[in-house]
């Protein structure tokens, strides 16, 4: 929730990305994933 603020994103060197497609695109573009949060009731087999 703190990462909603630009100064927190800059300080922590992290940003939030939501969605299977968007996260997949980031991985394919060579971004390093720090951590992944999933909600089992919402994900499907492609997760």
ModelCIF file with pLDDT and N, C-alpha, C, O atoms, coordinates in Angstrom:
data_MODEL
#
_entry.id   MODEL 
#
_entity.id                         1 
_entity.type                       polymer 
_entity.pdbx_number_of_molecules   1 
#
_entity_poly.entity_id                      1 
_entity_poly.type                           'polypeptide(L)' 
_entity_poly.nstd_linkage                   no 
_entity_poly.nstd_monomer                   no 
_entity_poly.pdbx_seq_one_letter_code       
;(UNK)(UNK)(UNK)(UNK)(UNK)(UNK)(UNK)(UNK)(UNK)(UNK)(UNK)(UNK)(UNK)(UNK)(UNK)(UNK)
(UNK)(UNK)(UNK)(UNK)(UNK)(UNK)(UNK)(UNK)(UNK)(UNK)(UNK)(UNK)(UNK)(UNK)(UNK)(UNK)
(UNK)(UNK)(UNK)(UNK)(UNK)(UNK)(UNK)(UNK)(UNK)(UNK)(UNK)(UNK)(UNK)(UNK)(UNK)
;
_entity_poly.pdbx_seq_one_letter_code_can   XXXXXXXXXXXXXXXXXXXXXXXXXXXXXXXXXXXXXXXXXXXXXXX 
_entity_poly.pdbx_strand_id                 A 
#
loop_
_entity_poly_seq.entity_id 
_entity_poly_seq.num 
_entity_poly_seq.mon_id 
_entity_poly_seq.hetero 
1 1  UNK n 
1 2  UNK n 
1 3  UNK n 
1 4  UNK n 
1 5  UNK n 
1 6  UNK n 
1 7  UNK n 
1 8  UNK n 
1 9  UNK n 
1 10 UNK n 
1 11 UNK n 
1 12 UNK n 
1 13 UNK n 
1 14 UNK n 
1 15 UNK n 
1 16 UNK n 
1 17 UNK n 
1 18 UNK n 
1 19 UNK n 
1 20 UNK n 
1 21 UNK n 
1 22 UNK n 
1 23 UNK n 
1 24 UNK n 
1 25 UNK n 
1 26 UNK n 
1 27 UNK n 
1 28 UNK n 
1 29 UNK n 
1 30 UNK n 
1 31 UNK n 
1 32 UNK n 
1 33 UNK n 
1 34 UNK n 
1 35 UNK n 
1 36 UNK n 
1 37 UNK n 
1 38 UNK n 
1 39 UNK n 
1 40 UNK n 
1 41 UNK n 
1 42 UNK n 
1 43 UNK n 
1 44 UNK n 
1 45 UNK n 
1 46 UNK n 
1 47 UNK n 
#
_struct_asym.id          A 
_struct_asym.entity_id   1 
#
loop_
_ma_qa_metric.id 
_ma_qa_metric.mode 
_ma_qa_metric.name 
_ma_qa_metric.software_group_id 
_ma_qa_metric.type 
1 global pLDDT . pLDDT 
2 local  pLDDT . pLDDT 
#
_ma_qa_metric_global.metric_id      1 
_ma_qa_metric_global.metric_value   93.43 
_ma_qa_metric_global.model_id       1 
_ma_qa_metric_global.ordinal_id     1 
#
loop_
_ma_qa_metric_local.label_asym_id 
_ma_qa_metric_local.label_comp_id 
_ma_qa_metric_local.label_seq_id 
_ma_qa_metric_local.metric_id 
_ma_qa_metric_local.metric_value 
_ma_qa_metric_local.model_id 
_ma_qa_metric_local.ordinal_id 
A UNK 1  2 96.00 1 1  
A UNK 2  2 96.00 1 2  
A UNK 3  2 96.00 1 3  
A UNK 4  2 92.00 1 4  
A UNK 5  2 93.00 1 5  
A UNK 6  2 91.00 1 6  
A UNK 7  2 94.00 1 7  
A UNK 8  2 95.00 1 8  
A UNK 9  2 95.00 1 9  
A UNK 10 2 94.00 1 10 
A UNK 11 2 96.00 1 11 
A UNK 12 2 97.00 1 12 
A UNK 13 2 96.00 1 13 
A UNK 14 2 97.00 1 14 
A UNK 15 2 96.00 1 15 
A UNK 16 2 96.00 1 16 
A UNK 17 2 94.00 1 17 
A UNK 18 2 94.00 1 18 
A UNK 19 2 92.00 1 19 
A UNK 20 2 93.00 1 20 
A UNK 21 2 91.00 1 21 
A UNK 22 2 92.00 1 22 
A UNK 23 2 94.00 1 23 
A UNK 24 2 94.00 1 24 
A UNK 25 2 92.00 1 25 
A UNK 26 2 93.00 1 26 
A UNK 27 2 93.00 1 27 
A UNK 28 2 92.00 1 28 
A UNK 29 2 89.00 1 29 
A UNK 30 2 91.00 1 30 
A UNK 31 2 94.00 1 31 
A UNK 32 2 95.00 1 32 
A UNK 33 2 96.00 1 33 
A UNK 34 2 97.00 1 34 
A UNK 35 2 97.00 1 35 
A UNK 36 2 96.00 1 36 
A UNK 37 2 97.00 1 37 
A UNK 38 2 95.00 1 38 
A UNK 39 2 95.00 1 39 
A UNK 40 2 92.00 1 40 
A UNK 41 2 92.00 1 41 
A UNK 42 2 92.00 1 42 
A UNK 43 2 90.00 1 43 
A UNK 44 2 88.00 1 44 
A UNK 45 2 85.00 1 45 
A UNK 46 2 87.00 1 46 
A UNK 47 2 89.00 1 47 
#
loop_
_atom_site.group_PDB 
_atom_site.id 
_atom_site.type_symbol 
_atom_site.label_atom_id 
_atom_site.label_alt_id 
_atom_site.label_comp_id 
_atom_site.label_asym_id 
_atom_site.label_entity_id 
_atom_site.label_seq_id 
_atom_site.pdbx_PDB_ins_code 
_atom_site.Cartn_x 
_atom_site.Cartn_y 
_atom_site.Cartn_z 
_atom_site.occupancy 
_atom_site.B_iso_or_equiv 
_atom_site.pdbx_formal_charge 
_atom_site.auth_seq_id 
_atom_site.auth_comp_id 
_atom_site.auth_asym_id 
_atom_site.auth_atom_id 
_atom_site.pdbx_PDB_model_num 
ATOM 1   N N  . UNK A 1 1  ? 0.827   -1.208  0.000   1.00 96.00 ? 1  UNK A N  1 
ATOM 2   C CA . UNK A 1 1  ? 0.000   0.000   0.000   1.00 96.00 ? 1  UNK A CA 1 
ATOM 3   C C  . UNK A 1 1  ? 0.861   1.257   0.000   1.00 96.00 ? 1  UNK A C  1 
ATOM 4   O O  . UNK A 1 1  ? 0.474   2.267   -0.589  1.00 96.00 ? 1  UNK A O  1 
ATOM 5   N N  . UNK A 1 2  ? 2.018   1.212   0.650   1.00 96.00 ? 2  UNK A N  1 
ATOM 6   C CA . UNK A 1 2  ? 2.928   2.366   0.645   1.00 96.00 ? 2  UNK A CA 1 
ATOM 7   C C  . UNK A 1 2  ? 3.477   2.631   -0.753  1.00 96.00 ? 2  UNK A C  1 
ATOM 8   O O  . UNK A 1 2  ? 3.790   3.772   -1.093  1.00 96.00 ? 2  UNK A O  1 
ATOM 9   N N  . UNK A 1 3  ? 3.595   1.581   -1.562  1.00 96.00 ? 3  UNK A N  1 
ATOM 10  C CA . UNK A 1 3  ? 4.144   1.734   -2.910  1.00 96.00 ? 3  UNK A CA 1 
ATOM 11  C C  . UNK A 1 3  ? 3.213   2.501   -3.844  1.00 96.00 ? 3  UNK A C  1 
ATOM 12  O O  . UNK A 1 3  ? 3.530   2.690   -5.018  1.00 96.00 ? 3  UNK A O  1 
ATOM 13  N N  . UNK A 1 4  ? 2.080   2.938   -3.333  1.00 92.00 ? 4  UNK A N  1 
ATOM 14  C CA . UNK A 1 4  ? 1.185   3.812   -4.087  1.00 92.00 ? 4  UNK A CA 1 
ATOM 15  C C  . UNK A 1 4  ? 1.822   5.189   -4.297  1.00 92.00 ? 4  UNK A C  1 
ATOM 16  O O  . UNK A 1 4  ? 1.440   5.922   -5.209  1.00 92.00 ? 4  UNK A O  1 
ATOM 17  N N  . UNK A 1 5  ? 2.780   5.530   -3.461  1.00 93.00 ? 5  UNK A N  1 
ATOM 18  C CA . UNK A 1 5  ? 3.453   6.828   -3.502  1.00 93.00 ? 5  UNK A CA 1 
ATOM 19  C C  . UNK A 1 5  ? 4.745   6.730   -4.311  1.00 93.00 ? 5  UNK A C  1 
ATOM 20  O O  . UNK A 1 5  ? 5.532   5.799   -4.141  1.00 93.00 ? 5  UNK A O  1 
ATOM 21  N N  . UNK A 1 6  ? 4.946   7.714   -5.197  1.00 91.00 ? 6  UNK A N  1 
ATOM 22  C CA . UNK A 1 6  ? 6.126   7.718   -6.067  1.00 91.00 ? 6  UNK A CA 1 
ATOM 23  C C  . UNK A 1 6  ? 7.425   7.714   -5.274  1.00 91.00 ? 6  UNK A C  1 
ATOM 24  O O  . UNK A 1 6  ? 8.372   7.025   -5.652  1.00 91.00 ? 6  UNK A O  1 
ATOM 25  N N  . UNK A 1 7  ? 7.488   8.470   -4.182  1.00 94.00 ? 7  UNK A N  1 
ATOM 26  C CA . UNK A 1 7  ? 8.751   8.507   -3.423  1.00 94.00 ? 7  UNK A CA 1 
ATOM 27  C C  . UNK A 1 7  ? 9.058   7.155   -2.792  1.00 94.00 ? 7  UNK A C  1 
ATOM 28  O O  . UNK A 1 7  ? 10.227  6.798   -2.645  1.00 94.00 ? 7  UNK A O  1 
ATOM 29  N N  . UNK A 1 8  ? 8.033   6.396   -2.419  1.00 95.00 ? 8  UNK A N  1 
ATOM 30  C CA . UNK A 1 8  ? 8.256   5.043   -1.887  1.00 95.00 ? 8  UNK A CA 1 
ATOM 31  C C  . UNK A 1 8  ? 8.762   4.112   -2.990  1.00 95.00 ? 8  UNK A C  1 
ATOM 32  O O  . UNK A 1 8  ? 9.661   3.302   -2.763  1.00 95.00 ? 8  UNK A O  1 
ATOM 33  N N  . UNK A 1 9  ? 8.178   4.234   -4.183  1.00 95.00 ? 9  UNK A N  1 
ATOM 34  C CA . UNK A 1 9  ? 8.632   3.398   -5.299  1.00 95.00 ? 9  UNK A CA 1 
ATOM 35  C C  . UNK A 1 9  ? 10.098  3.691   -5.612  1.00 95.00 ? 9  UNK A C  1 
ATOM 36  O O  . UNK A 1 9  ? 10.884  2.772   -5.843  1.00 95.00 ? 9  UNK A O  1 
ATOM 37  N N  . UNK A 1 10 ? 10.463  4.977   -5.620  1.00 94.00 ? 10 UNK A N  1 
ATOM 38  C CA . UNK A 1 10 ? 11.860  5.335   -5.898  1.00 94.00 ? 10 UNK A CA 1 
ATOM 39  C C  . UNK A 1 10 ? 12.781  4.850   -4.781  1.00 94.00 ? 10 UNK A C  1 
ATOM 40  O O  . UNK A 1 10 ? 13.845  4.294   -5.051  1.00 94.00 ? 10 UNK A O  1 
ATOM 41  N N  . UNK A 1 11 ? 12.377  5.058   -3.528  1.00 96.00 ? 11 UNK A N  1 
ATOM 42  C CA . UNK A 1 11 ? 13.202  4.688   -2.387  1.00 96.00 ? 11 UNK A CA 1 
ATOM 43  C C  . UNK A 1 11 ? 13.414  3.176   -2.302  1.00 96.00 ? 11 UNK A C  1 
ATOM 44  O O  . UNK A 1 11 ? 14.531  2.707   -2.082  1.00 96.00 ? 11 UNK A O  1 
ATOM 45  N N  . UNK A 1 12 ? 12.334  2.422   -2.479  1.00 97.00 ? 12 UNK A N  1 
ATOM 46  C CA . UNK A 1 12 ? 12.417  0.966   -2.368  1.00 97.00 ? 12 UNK A CA 1 
ATOM 47  C C  . UNK A 1 12 ? 12.867  0.282   -3.656  1.00 97.00 ? 12 UNK A C  1 
ATOM 48  O O  . UNK A 1 12 ? 13.187  -0.907  -3.661  1.00 97.00 ? 12 UNK A O  1 
ATOM 49  N N  . UNK A 1 13 ? 12.888  1.043   -4.737  1.00 96.00 ? 13 UNK A N  1 
ATOM 50  C CA . UNK A 1 13 ? 13.233  0.492   -6.055  1.00 96.00 ? 13 UNK A CA 1 
ATOM 51  C C  . UNK A 1 13 ? 12.325  -0.683  -6.402  1.00 96.00 ? 13 UNK A C  1 
ATOM 52  O O  . UNK A 1 13 ? 12.780  -1.751  -6.811  1.00 96.00 ? 13 UNK A O  1 
ATOM 53  N N  . UNK A 1 14 ? 11.015  -0.447  -6.223  1.00 97.00 ? 14 UNK A N  1 
ATOM 54  C CA . UNK A 1 14 ? 9.991   -1.443  -6.533  1.00 97.00 ? 14 UNK A CA 1 
ATOM 55  C C  . UNK A 1 14 ? 8.764   -0.739  -7.086  1.00 97.00 ? 14 UNK A C  1 
ATOM 56  O O  . UNK A 1 14 ? 8.496   0.416   -6.753  1.00 97.00 ? 14 UNK A O  1 
ATOM 57  N N  . UNK A 1 15 ? 8.021   -1.442  -7.932  1.00 96.00 ? 15 UNK A N  1 
ATOM 58  C CA . UNK A 1 15 ? 6.715   -0.957  -8.350  1.00 96.00 ? 15 UNK A CA 1 
ATOM 59  C C  . UNK A 1 15 ? 5.747   -2.128  -8.386  1.00 96.00 ? 15 UNK A C  1 
ATOM 60  O O  . UNK A 1 15 ? 6.157   -3.288  -8.431  1.00 96.00 ? 15 UNK A O  1 
ATOM 61  N N  . UNK A 1 16 ? 4.462   -1.810  -8.367  1.00 96.00 ? 16 UNK A N  1 
ATOM 62  C CA . UNK A 1 16 ? 3.403   -2.808  -8.296  1.00 96.00 ? 16 UNK A CA 1 
ATOM 63  C C  . UNK A 1 16 ? 2.826   -3.021  -9.691  1.00 96.00 ? 16 UNK A C  1 
ATOM 64  O O  . UNK A 1 16 ? 2.531   -2.065  -10.408 1.00 96.00 ? 16 UNK A O  1 
ATOM 65  N N  . UNK A 1 17 ? 2.670   -4.283  -10.061 1.00 94.00 ? 17 UNK A N  1 
ATOM 66  C CA . UNK A 1 17 ? 2.011   -4.627  -11.315 1.00 94.00 ? 17 UNK A CA 1 
ATOM 67  C C  . UNK A 1 17 ? 0.941   -5.669  -11.011 1.00 94.00 ? 17 UNK A C  1 
ATOM 68  O O  . UNK A 1 17 ? 1.182   -6.641  -10.296 1.00 94.00 ? 17 UNK A O  1 
ATOM 69  N N  . UNK A 1 18 ? -0.237  -5.446  -11.564 1.00 94.00 ? 18 UNK A N  1 
ATOM 70  C CA . UNK A 1 18 ? -1.356  -6.339  -11.304 1.00 94.00 ? 18 UNK A CA 1 
ATOM 71  C C  . UNK A 1 18 ? -1.824  -6.997  -12.595 1.00 94.00 ? 18 UNK A C  1 
ATOM 72  O O  . UNK A 1 18 ? -1.991  -6.336  -13.620 1.00 94.00 ? 18 UNK A O  1 
ATOM 73  N N  . UNK A 1 19 ? -2.027  -8.283  -12.529 1.00 92.00 ? 19 UNK A N  1 
ATOM 74  C CA . UNK A 1 19 ? -2.602  -9.009  -13.657 1.00 92.00 ? 19 UNK A CA 1 
ATOM 75  C C  . UNK A 1 19 ? -1.630  -9.992  -14.283 1.00 92.00 ? 19 UNK A C  1 
ATOM 76  O O  . UNK A 1 19 ? -0.439  -9.716  -14.425 1.00 92.00 ? 19 UNK A O  1 
ATOM 77  N N  . UNK A 1 20 ? -2.159  -11.132 -14.650 1.00 93.00 ? 20 UNK A N  1 
ATOM 78  C CA . UNK A 1 20 ? -1.362  -12.190 -15.273 1.00 93.00 ? 20 UNK A CA 1 
ATOM 79  C C  . UNK A 1 20 ? -0.676  -11.703 -16.544 1.00 93.00 ? 20 UNK A C  1 
ATOM 80  O O  . UNK A 1 20 ? 0.522   -11.921 -16.727 1.00 93.00 ? 20 UNK A O  1 
ATOM 81  N N  . UNK A 1 21 ? -1.421  -11.053 -17.411 1.00 91.00 ? 21 UNK A N  1 
ATOM 82  C CA . UNK A 1 21 ? -0.856  -10.586 -18.691 1.00 91.00 ? 21 UNK A CA 1 
ATOM 83  C C  . UNK A 1 21 ? 0.260   -9.582  -18.450 1.00 91.00 ? 21 UNK A C  1 
ATOM 84  O O  . UNK A 1 21 ? 1.330   -9.677  -19.050 1.00 91.00 ? 21 UNK A O  1 
ATOM 85  N N  . UNK A 1 22 ? 0.008   -8.621  -17.570 1.00 92.00 ? 22 UNK A N  1 
ATOM 86  C CA . UNK A 1 22 ? 0.968   -7.556  -17.320 1.00 92.00 ? 22 UNK A CA 1 
ATOM 87  C C  . UNK A 1 22 ? 2.245   -8.093  -16.666 1.00 92.00 ? 22 UNK A C  1 
ATOM 88  O O  . UNK A 1 22 ? 3.351   -7.684  -17.019 1.00 92.00 ? 22 UNK A O  1 
ATOM 89  N N  . UNK A 1 23 ? 2.082   -9.003  -15.720 1.00 94.00 ? 23 UNK A N  1 
ATOM 90  C CA . UNK A 1 23 ? 3.247   -9.586  -15.062 1.00 94.00 ? 23 UNK A CA 1 
ATOM 91  C C  . UNK A 1 23 ? 4.035   -10.436 -16.057 1.00 94.00 ? 23 UNK A C  1 
ATOM 92  O O  . UNK A 1 23 ? 5.266   -10.409 -16.058 1.00 94.00 ? 23 UNK A O  1 
ATOM 93  N N  . UNK A 1 24 ? 3.336   -11.185 -16.898 1.00 94.00 ? 24 UNK A N  1 
ATOM 94  C CA . UNK A 1 24 ? 4.007   -11.991 -17.934 1.00 94.00 ? 24 UNK A CA 1 
ATOM 95  C C  . UNK A 1 24 ? 4.802   -11.109 -18.887 1.00 94.00 ? 24 UNK A C  1 
ATOM 96  O O  . UNK A 1 24 ? 5.926   -11.448 -19.257 1.00 94.00 ? 24 UNK A O  1 
ATOM 97  N N  . UNK A 1 25 ? 4.224   -9.980  -19.284 1.00 92.00 ? 25 UNK A N  1 
ATOM 98  C CA . UNK A 1 25 ? 4.937   -9.054  -20.166 1.00 92.00 ? 25 UNK A CA 1 
ATOM 99  C C  . UNK A 1 25 ? 6.194   -8.513  -19.491 1.00 92.00 ? 25 UNK A C  1 
ATOM 100 O O  . UNK A 1 25 ? 7.233   -8.372  -20.136 1.00 92.00 ? 25 UNK A O  1 
ATOM 101 N N  . UNK A 1 26 ? 6.105   -8.210  -18.200 1.00 93.00 ? 26 UNK A N  1 
ATOM 102 C CA . UNK A 1 26 ? 7.279   -7.717  -17.468 1.00 93.00 ? 26 UNK A CA 1 
ATOM 103 C C  . UNK A 1 26 ? 8.367   -8.774  -17.419 1.00 93.00 ? 26 UNK A C  1 
ATOM 104 O O  . UNK A 1 26 ? 9.540   -8.463  -17.624 1.00 93.00 ? 26 UNK A O  1 
ATOM 105 N N  . UNK A 1 27 ? 7.992   -10.025 -17.149 1.00 93.00 ? 27 UNK A N  1 
ATOM 106 C CA . UNK A 1 27 ? 8.968   -11.124 -17.119 1.00 93.00 ? 27 UNK A CA 1 
ATOM 107 C C  . UNK A 1 27 ? 9.613   -11.279 -18.487 1.00 93.00 ? 27 UNK A C  1 
ATOM 108 O O  . UNK A 1 27 ? 10.833  -11.406 -18.590 1.00 93.00 ? 27 UNK A O  1 
ATOM 109 N N  . UNK A 1 28 ? 8.799   -11.268 -19.538 1.00 92.00 ? 28 UNK A N  1 
ATOM 110 C CA . UNK A 1 28 ? 9.326   -11.417 -20.900 1.00 92.00 ? 28 UNK A CA 1 
ATOM 111 C C  . UNK A 1 28 ? 10.254  -10.262 -21.285 1.00 92.00 ? 28 UNK A C  1 
ATOM 112 O O  . UNK A 1 28 ? 11.162  -10.441 -22.097 1.00 92.00 ? 28 UNK A O  1 
ATOM 113 N N  . UNK A 1 29 ? 10.028  -9.076  -20.703 1.00 89.00 ? 29 UNK A N  1 
ATOM 114 C CA . UNK A 1 29 ? 10.856  -7.907  -21.000 1.00 89.00 ? 29 UNK A CA 1 
ATOM 115 C C  . UNK A 1 29 ? 12.115  -7.856  -20.129 1.00 89.00 ? 29 UNK A C  1 
ATOM 116 O O  . UNK A 1 29 ? 12.900  -6.913  -20.226 1.00 89.00 ? 29 UNK A O  1 
ATOM 117 N N  . UNK A 1 30 ? 12.305  -8.864  -19.283 1.00 91.00 ? 30 UNK A N  1 
ATOM 118 C CA . UNK A 1 30 ? 13.529  -8.937  -18.511 1.00 91.00 ? 30 UNK A CA 1 
ATOM 119 C C  . UNK A 1 30 ? 13.508  -8.251  -17.157 1.00 91.00 ? 30 UNK A C  1 
ATOM 120 O O  . UNK A 1 30 ? 14.559  -8.056  -16.547 1.00 91.00 ? 30 UNK A O  1 
ATOM 121 N N  . UNK A 1 31 ? 12.330  -7.883  -16.680 1.00 94.00 ? 31 UNK A N  1 
ATOM 122 C CA . UNK A 1 31 ? 12.244  -7.277  -15.351 1.00 94.00 ? 31 UNK A CA 1 
ATOM 123 C C  . UNK A 1 31 ? 12.386  -8.363  -14.288 1.00 94.00 ? 31 UNK A C  1 
ATOM 124 O O  . UNK A 1 31 ? 11.948  -9.496  -14.482 1.00 94.00 ? 31 UNK A O  1 
ATOM 125 N N  . UNK A 1 32 ? 12.999  -8.007  -13.171 1.00 95.00 ? 32 UNK A N  1 
ATOM 126 C CA . UNK A 1 32 ? 13.142  -8.933  -12.046 1.00 95.00 ? 32 UNK A CA 1 
ATOM 127 C C  . UNK A 1 32 ? 11.931  -8.820  -11.132 1.00 95.00 ? 32 UNK A C  1 
ATOM 128 O O  . UNK A 1 32 ? 11.568  -7.734  -10.681 1.00 95.00 ? 32 UNK A O  1 
ATOM 129 N N  . UNK A 1 33 ? 11.324  -9.951  -10.875 1.00 96.00 ? 33 UNK A N  1 
ATOM 130 C CA . UNK A 1 33 ? 10.184  -10.000 -9.964  1.00 96.00 ? 33 UNK A CA 1 
ATOM 131 C C  . UNK A 1 33 ? 10.730  -10.147 -8.554  1.00 96.00 ? 33 UNK A C  1 
ATOM 132 O O  . UNK A 1 33 ? 11.506  -11.062 -8.277  1.00 96.00 ? 33 UNK A O  1 
ATOM 133 N N  . UNK A 1 34 ? 10.330  -9.254  -7.668  1.00 97.00 ? 34 UNK A N  1 
ATOM 134 C CA . UNK A 1 34 ? 10.755  -9.292  -6.268  1.00 97.00 ? 34 UNK A CA 1 
ATOM 135 C C  . UNK A 1 34 ? 9.906   -10.274 -5.472  1.00 97.00 ? 34 UNK A C  1 
ATOM 136 O O  . UNK A 1 34 ? 10.430  -11.068 -4.691  1.00 97.00 ? 34 UNK A O  1 
ATOM 137 N N  . UNK A 1 35 ? 8.593   -10.215 -5.673  1.00 97.00 ? 35 UNK A N  1 
ATOM 138 C CA . UNK A 1 35 ? 7.664   -11.121 -4.989  1.00 97.00 ? 35 UNK A CA 1 
ATOM 139 C C  . UNK A 1 35 ? 6.344   -11.139 -5.741  1.00 97.00 ? 35 UNK A C  1 
ATOM 140 O O  . UNK A 1 35 ? 5.998   -10.194 -6.448  1.00 97.00 ? 35 UNK A O  1 
ATOM 141 N N  . UNK A 1 36 ? 5.616   -12.238 -5.573  1.00 96.00 ? 36 UNK A N  1 
ATOM 142 C CA . UNK A 1 36 ? 4.346   -12.422 -6.258  1.00 96.00 ? 36 UNK A CA 1 
ATOM 143 C C  . UNK A 1 36 ? 3.284   -12.751 -5.216  1.00 96.00 ? 36 UNK A C  1 
ATOM 144 O O  . UNK A 1 36 ? 3.484   -13.620 -4.367  1.00 96.00 ? 36 UNK A O  1 
ATOM 145 N N  . UNK A 1 37 ? 2.150   -12.051 -5.287  1.00 97.00 ? 37 UNK A N  1 
ATOM 146 C CA . UNK A 1 37 ? 1.027   -12.267 -4.368  1.00 97.00 ? 37 UNK A CA 1 
ATOM 147 C C  . UNK A 1 37 ? -0.133  -12.832 -5.172  1.00 97.00 ? 37 UNK A C  1 
ATOM 148 O O  . UNK A 1 37 ? -0.512  -12.283 -6.206  1.00 97.00 ? 37 UNK A O  1 
ATOM 149 N N  . UNK A 1 38 ? -0.694  -13.937 -4.686  1.00 95.00 ? 38 UNK A N  1 
ATOM 150 C CA . UNK A 1 38 ? -1.804  -14.556 -5.408  1.00 95.00 ? 38 UNK A CA 1 
ATOM 151 C C  . UNK A 1 38 ? -2.977  -14.776 -4.459  1.00 95.00 ? 38 UNK A C  1 
ATOM 152 O O  . UNK A 1 38 ? -2.813  -14.985 -3.257  1.00 95.00 ? 38 UNK A O  1 
ATOM 153 N N  . UNK A 1 39 ? -4.157  -14.720 -5.050  1.00 95.00 ? 39 UNK A N  1 
ATOM 154 C CA . UNK A 1 39 ? -5.393  -15.032 -4.337  1.00 95.00 ? 39 UNK A CA 1 
ATOM 155 C C  . UNK A 1 39 ? -5.984  -16.248 -5.046  1.00 95.00 ? 39 UNK A C  1 
ATOM 156 O O  . UNK A 1 39 ? -6.500  -16.122 -6.156  1.00 95.00 ? 39 UNK A O  1 
ATOM 157 N N  . UNK A 1 40 ? -5.918  -17.406 -4.427  1.00 92.00 ? 40 UNK A N  1 
ATOM 158 C CA . UNK A 1 40 ? -6.302  -18.673 -5.070  1.00 92.00 ? 40 UNK A CA 1 
ATOM 159 C C  . UNK A 1 40 ? -7.732  -18.664 -5.604  1.00 92.00 ? 40 UNK A C  1 
ATOM 160 O O  . UNK A 1 40 ? -8.010  -19.310 -6.614  1.00 92.00 ? 40 UNK A O  1 
ATOM 161 N N  . UNK A 1 41 ? -8.640  -17.949 -4.950  1.00 92.00 ? 41 UNK A N  1 
ATOM 162 C CA . UNK A 1 41 ? -10.029 -17.947 -5.410  1.00 92.00 ? 41 UNK A CA 1 
ATOM 163 C C  . UNK A 1 41 ? -10.200 -17.168 -6.721  1.00 92.00 ? 41 UNK A C  1 
ATOM 164 O O  . UNK A 1 41 ? -11.240 -17.278 -7.370  1.00 92.00 ? 41 UNK A O  1 
ATOM 165 N N  . UNK A 1 42 ? -9.195  -16.388 -7.112  1.00 92.00 ? 42 UNK A N  1 
ATOM 166 C CA . UNK A 1 42 ? -9.301  -15.570 -8.324  1.00 92.00 ? 42 UNK A CA 1 
ATOM 167 C C  . UNK A 1 42 ? -8.428  -16.053 -9.478  1.00 92.00 ? 42 UNK A C  1 
ATOM 168 O O  . UNK A 1 42 ? -8.705  -15.727 -10.632 1.00 92.00 ? 42 UNK A O  1 
ATOM 169 N N  . UNK A 1 43 ? -7.382  -16.822 -9.192  1.00 90.00 ? 43 UNK A N  1 
ATOM 170 C CA . UNK A 1 43 ? -6.475  -17.242 -10.265 1.00 90.00 ? 43 UNK A CA 1 
ATOM 171 C C  . UNK A 1 43 ? -7.044  -18.443 -11.016 1.00 90.00 ? 43 UNK A C  1 
ATOM 172 O O  . UNK A 1 43 ? -7.903  -19.168 -10.515 1.00 90.00 ? 43 UNK A O  1 
ATOM 173 N N  . UNK A 1 44 ? -6.538  -18.628 -12.231 1.00 88.00 ? 44 UNK A N  1 
ATOM 174 C CA . UNK A 1 44 ? -6.923  -19.816 -12.994 1.00 88.00 ? 44 UNK A CA 1 
ATOM 175 C C  . UNK A 1 44 ? -5.671  -20.640 -13.296 1.00 88.00 ? 44 UNK A C  1 
ATOM 176 O O  . UNK A 1 44 ? -4.590  -20.339 -12.790 1.00 88.00 ? 44 UNK A O  1 
ATOM 177 N N  . UNK A 1 45 ? -5.813  -21.654 -14.100 1.00 85.00 ? 45 UNK A N  1 
ATOM 178 C CA . UNK A 1 45 ? -4.712  -22.586 -14.357 1.00 85.00 ? 45 UNK A CA 1 
ATOM 179 C C  . UNK A 1 45 ? -3.514  -21.928 -15.041 1.00 85.00 ? 45 UNK A C  1 
ATOM 180 O O  . UNK A 1 45 ? -2.390  -22.408 -14.895 1.00 85.00 ? 45 UNK A O  1 
ATOM 181 N N  . UNK A 1 46 ? -3.725  -20.863 -15.769 1.00 87.00 ? 46 UNK A N  1 
ATOM 182 C CA . UNK A 1 46 ? -2.601  -20.199 -16.441 1.00 87.00 ? 46 UNK A CA 1 
ATOM 183 C C  . UNK A 1 46 ? -1.646  -19.538 -15.455 1.00 87.00 ? 46 UNK A C  1 
ATOM 184 O O  . UNK A 1 46 ? -0.508  -19.236 -15.813 1.00 87.00 ? 46 UNK A O  1 
ATOM 185 N N  . UNK A 1 47 ? -2.085  -19.310 -14.224 1.00 89.00 ? 47 UNK A N  1 
ATOM 186 C CA . UNK A 1 47 ? -1.211  -18.736 -13.199 1.00 89.00 ? 47 UNK A CA 1 
ATOM 187 C C  . UNK A 1 47 ? -0.046  -19.678 -12.913 1.00 89.00 ? 47 UNK A C  1 
ATOM 188 O O  . UNK A 1 47 ? 0.803   -19.373 -12.076 1.00 89.00 ? 47 UNK A O  1 
#
